Amino acid sequence: MLGQSNEDAERFLVNLITESRLDAKIDSTKGHVSISPQAQSVYQLLIEKTKTLNLRASVLAGNIERAKANQQKASKD
């Protein structure tokens, strides 16, 4: 894998799978990684969408404040 030994590549994949909490299996004899799809609960999807919405609203509010400040600065000059 990208110039790594098989052992280093397998160690990398094990760490990646562990840190990502994926449901995956490594078959080192065949050189395959099987990742099972994970269905998110409706509750978890709602939480993720809410986090995204909150972030987007914060960015928009910041943009509006900057635009107002720039407009006030331009009107003073």
C-alpha atoms as a PDB file:
ATOM      1  CA  MET A   1       0.000   0.000   0.000  1.00  0.00           C
ATOM      2  CA  LEU A   2       1.659   3.193  -1.224  1.00  0.00           C
ATOM      3  CA  GLY A   3       5.203   2.040  -0.637  1.00  0.00           C
ATOM      4  CA  GLN A   4       4.512   0.523   2.793  1.00  0.00           C
ATOM      5  CA  SER A   5       5.153  -3.012   3.883  1.00  0.00           C
ATOM      6  CA  ASN A   6       2.097  -5.232   4.324  1.00  0.00           C
ATOM      7  CA  GLU A   7       2.505  -5.128   8.096  1.00  0.00           C
ATOM      8  CA  ASP A   8       2.624  -1.311   8.169  1.00  0.00           C
ATOM      9  CA  ALA A   9      -0.383  -1.067   5.867  1.00  0.00           C
ATOM     10  CA  GLU A  10      -2.345  -3.514   8.011  1.00  0.00           C
ATOM     11  CA  ARG A  11      -1.417  -1.593  11.173  1.00  0.00           C
ATOM     12  CA  PHE A  12      -2.567   1.634   9.506  1.00  0.00           C
ATOM     13  CA  LEU A  13      -5.889   0.068   8.501  1.00  0.00           C
ATOM     14  CA  VAL A  14      -6.460  -1.387  11.967  1.00  0.00           C
ATOM     15  CA  ASN A  15      -5.894   2.048  13.524  1.00  0.00           C
ATOM     16  CA  LEU A  16      -8.177   3.679  10.958  1.00  0.00           C
ATOM     17  CA  ILE A  17     -10.956   1.159  11.563  1.00  0.00           C
ATOM     18  CA  THR A  18     -10.615   1.448  15.332  1.00  0.00           C
ATOM     19  CA  GLU A  19     -10.578   5.250  15.413  1.00  0.00           C
ATOM     20  CA  SER A  20     -13.480   5.519  12.966  1.00  0.00           C
ATOM     21  CA  ARG A  21     -15.497   2.880  14.820  1.00  0.00           C
ATOM     22  CA  LEU A  22     -16.243   1.095  11.575  1.00  0.00           C
ATOM     23  CA  ASP A  23     -17.631  -2.405  11.368  1.00  0.00           C
ATOM     24  CA  ALA A  24     -14.854  -3.824   9.194  1.00  0.00           C
ATOM     25  CA  LYS A  25     -12.802  -6.960   8.799  1.00  0.00           C
ATOM     26  CA  ILE A  26      -9.331  -7.389   7.343  1.00  0.00           C
ATOM     27  CA  ASP A  27      -8.515 -10.557   5.429  1.00  0.00           C
ATOM     28  CA  SER A  28      -4.722 -10.390   5.222  1.00  0.00           C
ATOM     29  CA  THR A  29      -4.405 -13.649   3.279  1.00  0.00           C
ATOM     30  CA  LYS A  30      -6.532 -12.303   0.412  1.00  0.00           C
ATOM     31  CA  GLY A  31      -5.506  -8.681   0.943  1.00  0.00           C
ATOM     32  CA  HIS A  32      -9.117  -7.505   1.310  1.00  0.00           C
ATOM     33  CA  VAL A  33     -10.872  -5.154   3.700  1.00  0.00           C
ATOM     34  CA  SER A  34     -14.621  -5.650   4.140  1.00  0.00           C
ATOM     35  CA  ILE A  35     -16.580  -2.731   5.534  1.00  0.00           C
ATOM     36  CA  SER A  36     -20.199  -3.282   6.477  1.00  0.00           C
ATOM     37  CA  PRO A  37     -22.557  -0.386   5.844  1.00  0.00           C
ATOM     38  CA  GLN A  38     -23.772   1.286   8.993  1.00  0.00           C
ATOM     39  CA  ALA A  39     -27.300   2.575   9.086  1.00  0.00           C
ATOM     40  CA  GLN A  40     -27.668   5.622  11.293  1.00  0.00           C
ATOM     41  CA  SER A  41     -30.670   5.906  13.519  1.00  0.00           C
ATOM     42  CA  VAL A  42     -33.188   8.631  12.771  1.00  0.00           C
ATOM     43  CA  TYR A  43     -32.209  10.229  16.084  1.00  0.00           C
ATOM     44  CA  GLN A  44     -28.528  10.366  15.070  1.00  0.00           C
ATOM     45  CA  LEU A  45     -29.386  11.777  11.641  1.00  0.00           C
ATOM     46  CA  LEU A  46     -31.462  14.510  13.285  1.00  0.00           C
ATOM     47  CA  ILE A  47     -28.567  15.412  15.593  1.00  0.00           C
ATOM     48  CA  GLU A  48     -26.116  15.638  12.665  1.00  0.00           C
ATOM     49  CA  LYS A  49     -28.504  17.782  10.611  1.00  0.00           C
ATOM     50  CA  THR A  50     -29.070  20.080  13.595  1.00  0.00           C
ATOM     51  CA  LYS A  51     -25.320  20.507  14.120  1.00  0.00           C
ATOM     52  CA  THR A  52     -24.893  21.367  10.449  1.00  0.00           C
ATOM     53  CA  LEU A  53     -27.803  23.803  10.548  1.00  0.00           C
ATOM     54  CA  ASN A  54     -26.388  25.521  13.641  1.00  0.00           C
ATOM     55  CA  LEU A  55     -22.981  25.927  12.000  1.00  0.00           C
ATOM     56  CA  ARG A  56     -24.480  27.323   8.797  1.00  0.00           C
ATOM     57  CA  ALA A  57     -26.631  29.775  10.750  1.00  0.00           C
ATOM     58  CA  SER A  58     -23.559  30.973  12.662  1.00  0.00           C
ATOM     59  CA  VAL A  59     -21.632  31.537   9.440  1.00  0.00           C
ATOM     60  CA  LEU A  60     -24.539  33.438   7.898  1.00  0.00           C
ATOM     61  CA  ALA A  61     -24.919  35.606  11.011  1.00  0.00           C
ATOM     62  CA  GLY A  62     -21.202  36.420  10.897  1.00  0.00           C
ATOM     63  CA  ASN A  63     -21.434  37.335   7.219  1.00  0.00           C
ATOM     64  CA  ILE A  64     -24.391  39.626   7.880  1.00  0.00           C
ATOM     65  CA  GLU A  65     -22.565  41.369  10.736  1.00  0.00           C
ATOM     66  CA  ARG A  66     -19.484  41.883   8.544  1.00  0.00           C
ATOM     67  CA  ALA A  67     -21.601  43.246   5.706  1.00  0.00           C
ATOM     68  CA  LYS A  68     -23.343  45.679   8.072  1.00  0.00           C
ATOM     69  CA  ALA A  69     -20.006  46.840   9.490  1.00  0.00           C
ATOM     70  CA  ASN A  70     -18.585  47.353   5.988  1.00  0.00           C
ATOM     71  CA  GLN A  71     -21.698  49.237   4.915  1.00  0.00           C
ATOM     72  CA  GLN A  72     -21.558  51.531   7.968  1.00  0.00           C
ATOM     73  CA  LYS A  73     -17.846  52.136   7.415  1.00  0.00           C
ATOM     74  CA  ALA A  74     -18.463  52.995   3.751  1.00  0.00           C
ATOM     75  CA  SER A  75     -21.292  55.394   4.614  1.00  0.00           C
ATOM     76  CA  LYS A  76     -19.053  57.241   7.111  1.00  0.00           C
ATOM     77  CA  ASP A  77     -16.299  57.753   4.529  1.00  0.00           C
END
